[in-house]
Amino acid sequence: MSEHDYTAQRAETRAEYAELRDGPGLPEFADVDYFLIPDTKKDWAPLADALAKEGYDCEWVEDDEESDEPYLVATLYEQIISADGIWLGEEVATRIALEHGFQPDGWGLLGDEDDE
């Protein structure tokens, strides 16, 4: 297995953040979801436990209209939204996920429109 390219992942996060900031705009605070997919049929509970120790709330998604495969959503609530803030949470989630046989698969925001 090759080494994970954190530099490329960070650049992708910064680019997506800039696109959202310059397009529809971003809230000041939001819940940030990090999506993690298993390399194979892995037990997700040990990953969820490890992420929970770092402050993430985790949910296993078995059936989703947008994905053919199950995945884990790791959420950090009420985060200050910035490129660096999103990346810090993503980097921690990625490092833990890789240790448990999961790969990062992006992030998303859930914010309260009143916060904007």
C-alpha atoms as a PDB file:
ATOM      1  CA  MET A   1       0.000   0.000   0.000  1.00  0.00           C
ATOM      2  CA  SER A   2       1.382   3.399  -0.948  1.00  0.00           C
ATOM      3  CA  GLU A   3       1.791   6.268   1.475  1.00  0.00           C
ATOM      4  CA  HIS A   4      -1.101   8.704   1.753  1.00  0.00           C
ATOM      5  CA  ASP A   5      -0.539  12.082   0.048  1.00  0.00           C
ATOM      6  CA  TYR A   6      -1.539  14.590   2.744  1.00  0.00           C
ATOM      7  CA  THR A   7      -0.185  17.491   0.684  1.00  0.00           C
ATOM      8  CA  ALA A   8      -2.543  16.733  -2.204  1.00  0.00           C
ATOM      9  CA  GLN A   9      -5.454  16.149   0.172  1.00  0.00           C
ATOM     10  CA  ARG A  10      -4.834  19.494   1.893  1.00  0.00           C
ATOM     11  CA  ALA A  11      -4.608  21.287  -1.462  1.00  0.00           C
ATOM     12  CA  GLU A  12      -7.935  19.736  -2.515  1.00  0.00           C
ATOM     13  CA  THR A  13      -9.561  20.857   0.742  1.00  0.00           C
ATOM     14  CA  ARG A  14      -8.248  24.415   0.299  1.00  0.00           C
ATOM     15  CA  ALA A  15      -9.494  24.519  -3.302  1.00  0.00           C
ATOM     16  CA  GLU A  16     -12.956  23.273  -2.357  1.00  0.00           C
ATOM     17  CA  TYR A  17     -13.125  25.721   0.545  1.00  0.00           C
ATOM     18  CA  ALA A  18     -12.180  28.621  -1.778  1.00  0.00           C
ATOM     19  CA  GLU A  19     -14.804  27.542  -4.312  1.00  0.00           C
ATOM     20  CA  LEU A  20     -17.516  27.465  -1.641  1.00  0.00           C
ATOM     21  CA  ARG A  21     -16.358  30.747  -0.100  1.00  0.00           C
ATOM     22  CA  ASP A  22     -16.328  32.523  -3.468  1.00  0.00           C
ATOM     23  CA  GLY A  23     -19.545  30.880  -4.687  1.00  0.00           C
ATOM     24  CA  PRO A  24     -22.547  30.335  -2.443  1.00  0.00           C
ATOM     25  CA  GLY A  25     -20.657  31.518   0.628  1.00  0.00           C
ATOM     26  CA  LEU A  26     -19.977  29.836   3.934  1.00  0.00           C
ATOM     27  CA  PRO A  27     -21.398  30.163   7.438  1.00  0.00           C
ATOM     28  CA  GLU A  28     -19.163  31.398  10.246  1.00  0.00           C
ATOM     29  CA  PHE A  29     -19.888  28.215  12.231  1.00  0.00           C
ATOM     30  CA  ALA A  30     -21.069  24.806  11.033  1.00  0.00           C
ATOM     31  CA  ASP A  31     -20.976  21.103  11.746  1.00  0.00           C
ATOM     32  CA  VAL A  32     -18.264  19.515   9.608  1.00  0.00           C
ATOM     33  CA  ASP A  33     -18.806  15.962   8.342  1.00  0.00           C
ATOM     34  CA  TYR A  34     -15.810  13.884   7.240  1.00  0.00           C
ATOM     35  CA  PHE A  35     -16.635  10.875   5.068  1.00  0.00           C
ATOM     36  CA  LEU A  36     -14.573   7.696   5.468  1.00  0.00           C
ATOM     37  CA  ILE A  37     -14.878   4.559   3.369  1.00  0.00           C
ATOM     38  CA  PRO A  38     -13.538   1.097   4.213  1.00  0.00           C
ATOM     39  CA  ASP A  39     -10.801  -0.467   2.065  1.00  0.00           C
ATOM     40  CA  THR A  40     -12.656  -3.761   2.408  1.00  0.00           C
ATOM     41  CA  LYS A  41     -15.521  -4.948   4.597  1.00  0.00           C
ATOM     42  CA  LYS A  42     -13.979  -3.594   7.790  1.00  0.00           C
ATOM     43  CA  ASP A  43     -15.555  -3.398  11.210  1.00  0.00           C
ATOM     44  CA  TRP A  44     -16.312   0.294  11.644  1.00  0.00           C
ATOM     45  CA  ALA A  45     -16.816   0.247  15.432  1.00  0.00           C
ATOM     46  CA  PRO A  46     -13.086   0.431  16.357  1.00  0.00           C
ATOM     47  CA  LEU A  47     -12.657   3.440  14.054  1.00  0.00           C
ATOM     48  CA  ALA A  48     -15.736   5.136  15.520  1.00  0.00           C
ATOM     49  CA  ASP A  49     -14.387   4.541  19.049  1.00  0.00           C
ATOM     50  CA  ALA A  50     -10.978   6.018  18.159  1.00  0.00           C
ATOM     51  CA  LEU A  51     -12.563   9.060  16.513  1.00  0.00           C
ATOM     52  CA  ALA A  52     -14.940   9.571  19.446  1.00  0.00           C
ATOM     53  CA  LYS A  53     -11.909   9.861  21.744  1.00  0.00           C
ATOM     54  CA  GLU A  54     -10.836  12.828  19.576  1.00  0.00           C
ATOM     55  CA  GLY A  55     -14.239  14.524  19.806  1.00  0.00           C
ATOM     56  CA  TYR A  56     -15.951  13.258  16.641  1.00  0.00           C
ATOM     57  CA  ASP A  57     -19.521  11.984  16.651  1.00  0.00           C
ATOM     58  CA  CYS A  58     -19.738   8.992  14.299  1.00  0.00           C
ATOM     59  CA  GLU A  59     -22.522   7.401  12.301  1.00  0.00           C
ATOM     60  CA  TRP A  60     -22.323   4.314  10.083  1.00  0.00           C
ATOM     61  CA  VAL A  61     -24.333   4.710   6.890  1.00  0.00           C
ATOM     62  CA  GLU A  62     -25.363   1.385   5.325  1.00  0.00           C
ATOM     63  CA  ASP A  63     -27.842   2.550   2.729  1.00  0.00           C
ATOM     64  CA  ASP A  64     -27.544   5.854   0.885  1.00  0.00           C
ATOM     65  CA  GLU A  65     -28.993   6.955  -2.452  1.00  0.00           C
ATOM     66  CA  GLU A  66     -25.717   8.677  -3.391  1.00  0.00           C
ATOM     67  CA  SER A  67     -23.323   5.837  -2.521  1.00  0.00           C
ATOM     68  CA  ASP A  68     -23.294   2.171  -3.446  1.00  0.00           C
ATOM     69  CA  GLU A  69     -21.042   1.302  -0.516  1.00  0.00           C
ATOM     70  CA  PRO A  70     -21.470   1.874   3.224  1.00  0.00           C
ATOM     71  CA  TYR A  71     -19.351   4.585   4.871  1.00  0.00           C
ATOM     72  CA  LEU A  72     -18.650   6.263   8.183  1.00  0.00           C
ATOM     73  CA  VAL A  73     -19.520   9.922   8.827  1.00  0.00           C
ATOM     74  CA  ALA A  74     -17.346  11.568  11.505  1.00  0.00           C
ATOM     75  CA  THR A  75     -18.791  14.917  12.614  1.00  0.00           C
ATOM     76  CA  LEU A  76     -17.264  17.799  14.529  1.00  0.00           C
ATOM     77  CA  TYR A  77     -20.018  20.111  15.772  1.00  0.00           C
ATOM     78  CA  GLU A  78     -20.076  23.919  15.747  1.00  0.00           C
ATOM     79  CA  GLN A  79     -16.682  24.467  14.166  1.00  0.00           C
ATOM     80  CA  ILE A  80     -15.374  27.878  13.100  1.00  0.00           C
ATOM     81  CA  ILE A  81     -15.271  27.551   9.321  1.00  0.00           C
ATOM     82  CA  SER A  82     -11.932  28.250   7.659  1.00  0.00           C
ATOM     83  CA  ALA A  83      -9.737  26.281   5.270  1.00  0.00           C
ATOM     84  CA  ASP A  84      -7.261  25.535   8.056  1.00  0.00           C
ATOM     85  CA  GLY A  85      -9.999  24.600  10.522  1.00  0.00           C
ATOM     86  CA  ILE A  86     -11.573  22.131   8.117  1.00  0.00           C
ATOM     87  CA  TRP A  87      -8.157  20.717   7.247  1.00  0.00           C
ATOM     88  CA  LEU A  88      -7.134  20.174  10.879  1.00  0.00           C
ATOM     89  CA  GLY A  89     -10.233  18.071  11.523  1.00  0.00           C
ATOM     90  CA  GLU A  90      -9.768  16.256   8.236  1.00  0.00           C
ATOM     91  CA  GLU A  91      -6.123  15.458   8.893  1.00  0.00           C
ATOM     92  CA  VAL A  92      -6.844  13.954  12.324  1.00  0.00           C
ATOM     93  CA  ALA A  93      -9.772  11.923  10.949  1.00  0.00           C
ATOM     94  CA  THR A  94      -7.664  10.743   8.005  1.00  0.00           C
ATOM     95  CA  ARG A  95      -4.722   9.601  10.144  1.00  0.00           C
ATOM     96  CA  ILE A  96      -7.015   7.614  12.429  1.00  0.00           C
ATOM     97  CA  ALA A  97      -9.025   6.237   9.493  1.00  0.00           C
ATOM     98  CA  LEU A  98      -5.920   4.991   7.675  1.00  0.00           C
ATOM     99  CA  GLU A  99      -4.807   3.153  10.835  1.00  0.00           C
ATOM    100  CA  HIS A 100      -8.163   1.317  10.783  1.00  0.00           C
ATOM    101  CA  GLY A 101      -8.300   0.402   7.078  1.00  0.00           C
ATOM    102  CA  PHE A 102     -10.474   3.304   5.909  1.00  0.00           C
ATOM    103  CA  GLN A 103      -9.839   6.027   3.328  1.00  0.00           C
ATOM    104  CA  PRO A 104     -10.933   9.680   3.418  1.00  0.00           C
ATOM    105  CA  ASP A 105     -13.665  10.552   0.925  1.00  0.00           C
ATOM    106  CA  GLY A 106     -14.208  14.283   1.379  1.00  0.00           C
ATOM    107  CA  TRP A 107     -16.110  16.529   3.752  1.00  0.00           C
ATOM    108  CA  GLY A 108     -19.294  18.549   3.943  1.00  0.00           C
ATOM    109  CA  LEU A 109     -20.839  21.294   6.050  1.00  0.00           C
ATOM    110  CA  LEU A 110     -24.130  21.501   7.910  1.00  0.00           C
ATOM    111  CA  GLY A 111     -24.716  25.020   9.184  1.00  0.00           C
ATOM    112  CA  ASP A 112     -27.478  27.153  10.538  1.00  0.00           C
ATOM    113  CA  GLU A 113     -28.339  29.806   7.957  1.00  0.00           C
ATOM    114  CA  ASP A 114     -28.939  32.279  10.791  1.00  0.00           C
ATOM    115  CA  ASP A 115     -25.195  32.086  11.582  1.00  0.00           C
ATOM    116  CA  GLU A 116     -24.212  33.656   8.259  1.00  0.00           C
END
